Amino acid sequence: MHTKTSTAPTILRRLQVQQRTGLSRSTLYQYIKDGAFPASIQLGPRAVGWLESDVSDWIASRVKLARLGNASMSR
């Protein structure tokens, strides 16, 4: 018997995003304003969060850029 399991999206709060990315609060919001970081999701009147998958994808893209940059510098 095969059961299909789906994982519900995980929402990270700002401090969790800061810990995972290493960004300060002001840099995080500047990146969002500049379109360089995924926008937050409104959770309530005074609460926001980010999809963990969006944050993970952003981190992966930064790692890829860093590695590509280092590869081109070593040539």
PDB file of N, CA and C in Angstrom:
ATOM      1  N   MET A   1       0.837  -1.180   0.000  1.00  0.00           N
ATOM      2  CA  MET A   1       0.000   0.000   0.000  1.00  0.00           C
ATOM      3  C   MET A   1       0.882   1.243   0.000  1.00  0.00           C
ATOM      4  N   HIS A   2       0.656   2.112  -0.941  1.00  0.00           N
ATOM      5  CA  HIS A   2       1.460   3.321  -1.100  1.00  0.00           C
ATOM      6  C   HIS A   2       0.649   4.524  -0.634  1.00  0.00           C
ATOM      7  N   THR A   3       1.177   5.245   0.315  1.00  0.00           N
ATOM      8  CA  THR A   3       0.487   6.448   0.779  1.00  0.00           C
ATOM      9  C   THR A   3       1.283   7.667   0.373  1.00  0.00           C
ATOM     10  N   LYS A   4       0.580   8.634  -0.095  1.00  0.00           N
ATOM     11  CA  LYS A   4       1.221   9.882  -0.519  1.00  0.00           C
ATOM     12  C   LYS A   4       1.218  10.848   0.663  1.00  0.00           C
ATOM     13  N   THR A   5       2.400  11.293   1.024  1.00  0.00           N
ATOM     14  CA  THR A   5       2.492  12.250   2.116  1.00  0.00           C
ATOM     15  C   THR A   5       2.942  13.583   1.568  1.00  0.00           C
ATOM     16  N   SER A   6       2.312  14.618   2.021  1.00  0.00           N
ATOM     17  CA  SER A   6       2.737  15.959   1.620  1.00  0.00           C
ATOM     18  C   SER A   6       3.083  16.727   2.881  1.00  0.00           C
ATOM     19  N   THR A   7       4.140  17.476   2.789  1.00  0.00           N
ATOM     20  CA  THR A   7       4.590  18.256   3.922  1.00  0.00           C
ATOM     21  C   THR A   7       3.984  19.648   3.837  1.00  0.00           C
ATOM     22  N   ALA A   8       3.401  20.063   4.917  1.00  0.00           N
ATOM     23  CA  ALA A   8       2.834  21.404   4.951  1.00  0.00           C
ATOM     24  C   ALA A   8       3.967  22.418   4.934  1.00  0.00           C
ATOM     25  N   PRO A   9       3.752  23.547   4.284  1.00  0.00           N
ATOM     26  CA  PRO A   9       4.796  24.580   4.264  1.00  0.00           C
ATOM     27  C   PRO A   9       5.126  25.055   5.681  1.00  0.00           C
ATOM     28  N   THR A  10       6.396  25.284   5.914  1.00  0.00           N
ATOM     29  CA  THR A  10       6.840  25.799   7.206  1.00  0.00           C
ATOM     30  C   THR A  10       7.079  27.291   7.075  1.00  0.00           C
ATOM     31  N   ILE A  11       6.578  28.033   8.040  1.00  0.00           N
ATOM     32  CA  ILE A  11       6.751  29.481   8.046  1.00  0.00           C
ATOM     33  C   ILE A  11       7.778  29.854   9.104  1.00  0.00           C
ATOM     34  N   LEU A  12       8.754  30.646   8.704  1.00  0.00           N
ATOM     35  CA  LEU A  12       9.791  31.131   9.612  1.00  0.00           C
ATOM     36  C   LEU A  12       9.479  32.558  10.023  1.00  0.00           C
ATOM     37  N   ARG A  13       9.727  32.859  11.272  1.00  0.00           N
ATOM     38  CA  ARG A  13       9.587  34.233  11.748  1.00  0.00           C
ATOM     39  C   ARG A  13      10.897  34.970  11.508  1.00  0.00           C
ATOM     40  N   ARG A  14      10.878  36.296  11.689  1.00  0.00           N
ATOM     41  CA  ARG A  14      12.024  37.133  11.329  1.00  0.00           C
ATOM     42  C   ARG A  14      13.323  36.690  12.008  1.00  0.00           C
ATOM     43  N   LEU A  15      13.289  36.424  13.295  1.00  0.00           N
ATOM     44  CA  LEU A  15      14.524  36.034  13.979  1.00  0.00           C
ATOM     45  C   LEU A  15      15.083  34.726  13.427  1.00  0.00           C
ATOM     46  N   GLN A  16      14.205  33.798  13.063  1.00  0.00           N
ATOM     47  CA  GLN A  16      14.665  32.546  12.463  1.00  0.00           C
ATOM     48  C   GLN A  16      15.306  32.811  11.099  1.00  0.00           C
ATOM     49  N   VAL A  17      14.713  33.716  10.326  1.00  0.00           N
ATOM     50  CA  VAL A  17      15.274  34.076   9.019  1.00  0.00           C
ATOM     51  C   VAL A  17      16.637  34.726   9.211  1.00  0.00           C
ATOM     52  N   GLN A  18      16.752  35.605  10.170  1.00  0.00           N
ATOM     53  CA  GLN A  18      18.026  36.263  10.441  1.00  0.00           C
ATOM     54  C   GLN A  18      19.093  35.245  10.847  1.00  0.00           C
ATOM     55  N   GLN A  19      18.715  34.277  11.678  1.00  0.00           N
ATOM     56  CA  GLN A  19      19.675  33.260  12.101  1.00  0.00           C
ATOM     57  C   GLN A  19      20.129  32.406  10.927  1.00  0.00           C
ATOM     58  N   ARG A  20      19.208  32.046  10.060  1.00  0.00           N
ATOM     59  CA  ARG A  20      19.553  31.187   8.924  1.00  0.00           C
ATOM     60  C   ARG A  20      20.374  31.914   7.876  1.00  0.00           C
ATOM     61  N   THR A  21      20.095  33.195   7.661  1.00  0.00           N
ATOM     62  CA  THR A  21      20.769  33.931   6.590  1.00  0.00           C
ATOM     63  C   THR A  21      21.989  34.697   7.060  1.00  0.00           C
ATOM     64  N   GLY A  22      22.037  35.032   8.336  1.00  0.00           N
ATOM     65  CA  GLY A  22      23.116  35.863   8.848  1.00  0.00           C
ATOM     66  C   GLY A  22      22.904  37.346   8.573  1.00  0.00           C
ATOM     67  N   LEU A  23      21.722  37.703   8.075  1.00  0.00           N
ATOM     68  CA  LEU A  23      21.420  39.106   7.761  1.00  0.00           C
ATOM     69  C   LEU A  23      20.902  39.833   8.998  1.00  0.00           C
ATOM     70  N   SER A  24      21.212  41.113   9.077  1.00  0.00           N
ATOM     71  CA  SER A  24      20.628  41.931  10.138  1.00  0.00           C
ATOM     72  C   SER A  24      19.199  42.286   9.751  1.00  0.00           C
ATOM     73  N   ARG A  25      18.443  42.785  10.699  1.00  0.00           N
ATOM     74  CA  ARG A  25      17.056  43.177  10.439  1.00  0.00           C
ATOM     75  C   ARG A  25      16.973  44.219   9.336  1.00  0.00           C
ATOM     76  N   SER A  26      17.805  45.258   9.430  1.00  0.00           N
ATOM     77  CA  SER A  26      17.749  46.337   8.441  1.00  0.00           C
ATOM     78  C   SER A  26      18.169  45.857   7.052  1.00  0.00           C
ATOM     79  N   THR A  27      19.177  44.992   6.980  1.00  0.00           N
ATOM     80  CA  THR A  27      19.606  44.461   5.688  1.00  0.00           C
ATOM     81  C   THR A  27      18.528  43.570   5.087  1.00  0.00           C
ATOM     82  N   LEU A  28      17.901  42.758   5.911  1.00  0.00           N
ATOM     83  CA  LEU A  28      16.817  41.899   5.444  1.00  0.00           C
ATOM     84  C   LEU A  28      15.715  42.727   4.788  1.00  0.00           C
ATOM     85  N   TYR A  29      15.258  43.758   5.467  1.00  0.00           N
ATOM     86  CA  TYR A  29      14.182  44.588   4.915  1.00  0.00           C
ATOM     87  C   TYR A  29      14.654  45.413   3.713  1.00  0.00           C
ATOM     88  N   GLN A  30      15.904  45.797   3.666  1.00  0.00           N
ATOM     89  CA  GLN A  30      16.427  46.501   2.489  1.00  0.00           C
ATOM     90  C   GLN A  30      16.449  45.570   1.285  1.00  0.00           C
ATOM     91  N   TYR A  31      16.883  44.325   1.485  1.00  0.00           N
ATOM     92  CA  TYR A  31      16.879  43.339   0.402  1.00  0.00           C
ATOM     93  C   TYR A  31      15.469  43.097  -0.117  1.00  0.00           C
ATOM     94  N   ILE A  32      14.499  43.040   0.792  1.00  0.00           N
ATOM     95  CA  ILE A  32      13.106  42.848   0.375  1.00  0.00           C
ATOM     96  C   ILE A  32      12.657  44.039  -0.455  1.00  0.00           C
ATOM     97  N   LYS A  33      12.971  45.234   0.014  1.00  0.00           N
ATOM     98  CA  LYS A  33      12.602  46.461  -0.704  1.00  0.00           C
ATOM     99  C   LYS A  33      13.222  46.480  -2.097  1.00  0.00           C
ATOM    100  N   ASP A  34      14.465  46.007  -2.207  1.00  0.00           N
ATOM    101  CA  ASP A  34      15.188  45.993  -3.478  1.00  0.00           C
ATOM    102  C   ASP A  34      14.787  44.811  -4.374  1.00  0.00           C
ATOM    103  N   GLY A  35      13.961  43.917  -3.853  1.00  0.00           N
ATOM    104  CA  GLY A  35      13.558  42.743  -4.622  1.00  0.00           C
ATOM    105  C   GLY A  35      14.603  41.640  -4.636  1.00  0.00           C
ATOM    106  N   ALA A  36      15.569  41.718  -3.719  1.00  0.00           N
ATOM    107  CA  ALA A  36      16.660  40.748  -3.680  1.00  0.00           C
ATOM    108  C   ALA A  36      16.425  39.634  -2.661  1.00  0.00           C
ATOM    109  N   PHE A  37      15.291  39.659  -1.984  1.00  0.00           N
ATOM    110  CA  PHE A  37      14.945  38.637  -0.994  1.00  0.00           C
ATOM    111  C   PHE A  37      13.443  38.418  -1.070  1.00  0.00           C
ATOM    112  N   PRO A  38      12.977  37.181  -0.853  1.00  0.00           N
ATOM    113  CA  PRO A  38      11.535  36.919  -0.939  1.00  0.00           C
ATOM    114  C   PRO A  38      10.731  37.792   0.022  1.00  0.00           C
ATOM    115  N   ALA A  39       9.589  38.223  -0.439  1.00  0.00           N
ATOM    116  CA  ALA A  39       8.706  39.042   0.388  1.00  0.00           C
ATOM    117  C   ALA A  39       8.121  38.208   1.524  1.00  0.00           C
ATOM    118  N   SER A  40       7.787  38.878   2.596  1.00  0.00           N
ATOM    119  CA  SER A  40       7.181  38.213   3.738  1.00  0.00           C
ATOM    120  C   SER A  40       5.701  37.929   3.472  1.00  0.00           C
ATOM    121  N   ILE A  41       5.143  37.055   4.291  1.00  0.00           N
ATOM    122  CA  ILE A  41       3.732  36.704   4.229  1.00  0.00           C
ATOM    123  C   ILE A  41       3.068  37.289   5.464  1.00  0.00           C
ATOM    124  N   GLN A  42       1.984  37.993   5.272  1.00  0.00           N
ATOM    125  CA  GLN A  42       1.260  38.582   6.398  1.00  0.00           C
ATOM    126  C   GLN A  42       0.546  37.474   7.165  1.00  0.00           C
ATOM    127  N   LEU A  43       0.867  37.322   8.437  1.00  0.00           N
ATOM    128  CA  LEU A  43       0.260  36.293   9.280  1.00  0.00           C
ATOM    129  C   LEU A  43      -0.858  36.853  10.141  1.00  0.00           C
ATOM    130  N   GLY A  44      -0.782  38.119  10.421  1.00  0.00           N
ATOM    131  CA  GLY A  44      -1.767  38.792  11.259  1.00  0.00           C
ATOM    132  C   GLY A  44      -1.544  40.279  11.151  1.00  0.00           C
ATOM    133  N   PRO A  45      -2.269  41.058  11.936  1.00  0.00           N
ATOM    134  CA  PRO A  45      -2.130  42.514  11.845  1.00  0.00           C
ATOM    135  C   PRO A  45      -0.706  43.016  12.088  1.00  0.00           C
ATOM    136  N   ARG A  46       0.026  42.331  12.964  1.00  0.00           N
ATOM    137  CA  ARG A  46       1.384  42.778  13.283  1.00  0.00           C
ATOM    138  C   ARG A  46       2.395  41.637  13.237  1.00  0.00           C
ATOM    139  N   ALA A  47       2.111  40.628  12.429  1.00  0.00           N
ATOM    140  CA  ALA A  47       3.004  39.471  12.365  1.00  0.00           C
ATOM    141  C   ALA A  47       3.233  39.059  10.913  1.00  0.00           C
ATOM    142  N   VAL A  48       4.496  38.817  10.584  1.00  0.00           N
ATOM    143  CA  VAL A  48       4.851  38.340   9.248  1.00  0.00           C
ATOM    144  C   VAL A  48       5.761  37.126   9.374  1.00  0.00           C
ATOM    145  N   GLY A  49       5.866  36.391   8.285  1.00  0.00           N
ATOM    146  CA  GLY A  49       6.752  35.247   8.239  1.00  0.00           C
ATOM    147  C   GLY A  49       7.191  35.006   6.807  1.00  0.00           C
ATOM    148  N   TRP A  50       8.101  34.082   6.637  1.00  0.00           N
ATOM    149  CA  TRP A  50       8.616  33.725   5.316  1.00  0.00           C
ATOM    150  C   TRP A  50       8.508  32.223   5.154  1.00  0.00           C
ATOM    151  N   LEU A  51       8.212  31.775   3.937  1.00  0.00           N
ATOM    152  CA  LEU A  51       8.202  30.346   3.677  1.00  0.00           C
ATOM    153  C   LEU A  51       9.628  29.814   3.778  1.00  0.00           C
ATOM    154  N   GLU A  52       9.793  28.746   4.516  1.00  0.00           N
ATOM    155  CA  GLU A  52      11.115  28.153   4.685  1.00  0.00           C
ATOM    156  C   GLU A  52      11.720  27.784   3.336  1.00  0.00           C
ATOM    157  N   SER A  53      10.893  27.297   2.425  1.00  0.00           N
ATOM    158  CA  SER A  53      11.391  26.911   1.101  1.00  0.00           C
ATOM    159  C   SER A  53      11.938  28.116   0.337  1.00  0.00           C
ATOM    160  N   ASP A  54      11.284  29.277   0.463  1.00  0.00           N
ATOM    161  CA  ASP A  54      11.772  30.490  -0.193  1.00  0.00           C
ATOM    162  C   ASP A  54      13.122  30.917   0.377  1.00  0.00           C
ATOM    163  N   VAL A  55      13.242  30.838   1.691  1.00  0.00           N
ATOM    164  CA  VAL A  55      14.497  31.228   2.352  1.00  0.00           C
ATOM    165  C   VAL A  55      15.611  30.251   1.961  1.00  0.00           C
ATOM    166  N   SER A  56      15.297  28.969   1.956  1.00  0.00           N
ATOM    167  CA  SER A  56      16.294  27.957   1.567  1.00  0.00           C
ATOM    168  C   SER A  56      16.742  28.142   0.125  1.00  0.00           C
ATOM    169  N   ASP A  57      15.792  28.448  -0.762  1.00  0.00           N
ATOM    170  CA  ASP A  57      16.134  28.702  -2.167  1.00  0.00           C
ATOM    171  C   ASP A  57      17.028  29.928  -2.294  1.00  0.00           C
ATOM    172  N   TRP A  58      16.751  30.969  -1.523  1.00  0.00           N
ATOM    173  CA  TRP A  58      17.558  32.191  -1.558  1.00  0.00           C
ATOM    174  C   TRP A  58      18.987  31.882  -1.087  1.00  0.00           C
ATOM    175  N   ILE A  59      19.097  31.129  -0.006  1.00  0.00           N
ATOM    176  CA  ILE A  59      20.420  30.764   0.508  1.00  0.00           C
ATOM    177  C   ILE A  59      21.184  29.951  -0.545  1.00  0.00           C
ATOM    178  N   ALA A  60      20.513  29.000  -1.164  1.00  0.00           N
ATOM    179  CA  ALA A  60      21.152  28.176  -2.190  1.00  0.00           C
ATOM    180  C   ALA A  60      21.625  29.029  -3.363  1.00  0.00           C
ATOM    181  N   SER A  61      20.829  30.025  -3.745  1.00  0.00           N
ATOM    182  CA  SER A  61      21.238  30.888  -4.858  1.00  0.00           C
ATOM    183  C   SER A  61      22.449  31.733  -4.482  1.00  0.00           C
ATOM    184  N   ARG A  62      22.521  32.172  -3.227  1.00  0.00           N
ATOM    185  CA  ARG A  62      23.688  32.948  -2.777  1.00  0.00           C
ATOM    186  C   ARG A  62      24.942  32.090  -2.769  1.00  0.00           C
ATOM    187  N   VAL A  63      24.813  30.838  -2.352  1.00  0.00           N
ATOM    188  CA  VAL A  63      25.950  29.923  -2.347  1.00  0.00           C
ATOM    189  C   VAL A  63      26.426  29.693  -3.781  1.00  0.00           C
ATOM    190  N   LYS A  64      25.472  29.489  -4.684  1.00  0.00           N
ATOM    191  CA  LYS A  64      25.819  29.266  -6.088  1.00  0.00           C
ATOM    192  C   LYS A  64      26.549  30.477  -6.667  1.00  0.00           C
ATOM    193  N   LEU A  65      26.044  31.682  -6.384  1.00  0.00           N
ATOM    194  CA  LEU A  65      26.704  32.902  -6.864  1.00  0.00           C
ATOM    195  C   LEU A  65      28.116  33.030  -6.295  1.00  0.00           C
ATOM    196  N   ALA A  66      28.258  32.726  -5.017  1.00  0.00           N
ATOM    197  CA  ALA A  66      29.567  32.834  -4.380  1.00  0.00           C
ATOM    198  C   ALA A  66      30.554  31.855  -4.998  1.00  0.00           C
ATOM    199  N   ARG A  67      30.086  30.644  -5.254  1.00  0.00           N
ATOM    200  CA  ARG A  67      30.985  29.629  -5.838  1.00  0.00           C
ATOM    201  C   ARG A  67      31.335  29.969  -7.285  1.00  0.00           C
ATOM    202  N   LEU A  68      30.371  30.492  -8.031  1.00  0.00           N
ATOM    203  CA  LEU A  68      30.655  30.902  -9.402  1.00  0.00           C
ATOM    204  C   LEU A  68      31.636  32.065  -9.412  1.00  0.00           C
ATOM    205  N   GLY A  69      31.475  32.987  -8.472  1.00  0.00           N
ATOM    206  CA  GLY A  69      32.372  34.135  -8.378  1.00  0.00           C
ATOM    207  C   GLY A  69      33.785  33.696  -8.046  1.00  0.00           C
ATOM    208  N   ASN A  70      33.912  32.762  -7.121  1.00  0.00           N
ATOM    209  CA  ASN A  70      35.239  32.260  -6.748  1.00  0.00           C
ATOM    210  C   ASN A  70      35.864  31.470  -7.874  1.00  0.00           C
ATOM    211  N   ALA A  71      35.055  30.763  -8.650  1.00  0.00           N
ATOM    212  CA  ALA A  71      35.585  29.978  -9.786  1.00  0.00           C
ATOM    213  C   ALA A  71      36.143  30.896 -10.862  1.00  0.00           C
ATOM    214  N   SER A  72      35.442  31.994 -11.123  1.00  0.00           N
ATOM    215  CA  SER A  72      35.914  32.920 -12.155  1.00  0.00           C
ATOM    216  C   SER A  72      37.149  33.688 -11.706  1.00  0.00           C
ATOM    217  N   MET A  73      37.297  33.878 -10.381  1.00  0.00           N
ATOM    218  CA  MET A  73      38.462  34.595  -9.863  1.00  0.00           C
ATOM    219  C   MET A  73      39.717  33.723  -9.900  1.00  0.00           C
ATOM    220  N   SER A  74      39.526  32.399  -9.869  1.00  0.00           N
ATOM    221  CA  SER A  74      40.700  31.521  -9.839  1.00  0.00           C
ATOM    222  C   SER A  74      41.238  31.240 -11.237  1.00  0.00           C
ATOM    223  N   ARG A  75      40.578  31.703 -12.249  1.00  0.00           N
ATOM    224  CA  ARG A  75      41.038  31.471 -13.622  1.00  0.00           C
ATOM    225  C   ARG A  75      42.060  32.474 -14.065  1.00  0.00           C
TER     226      ARG A  75
END
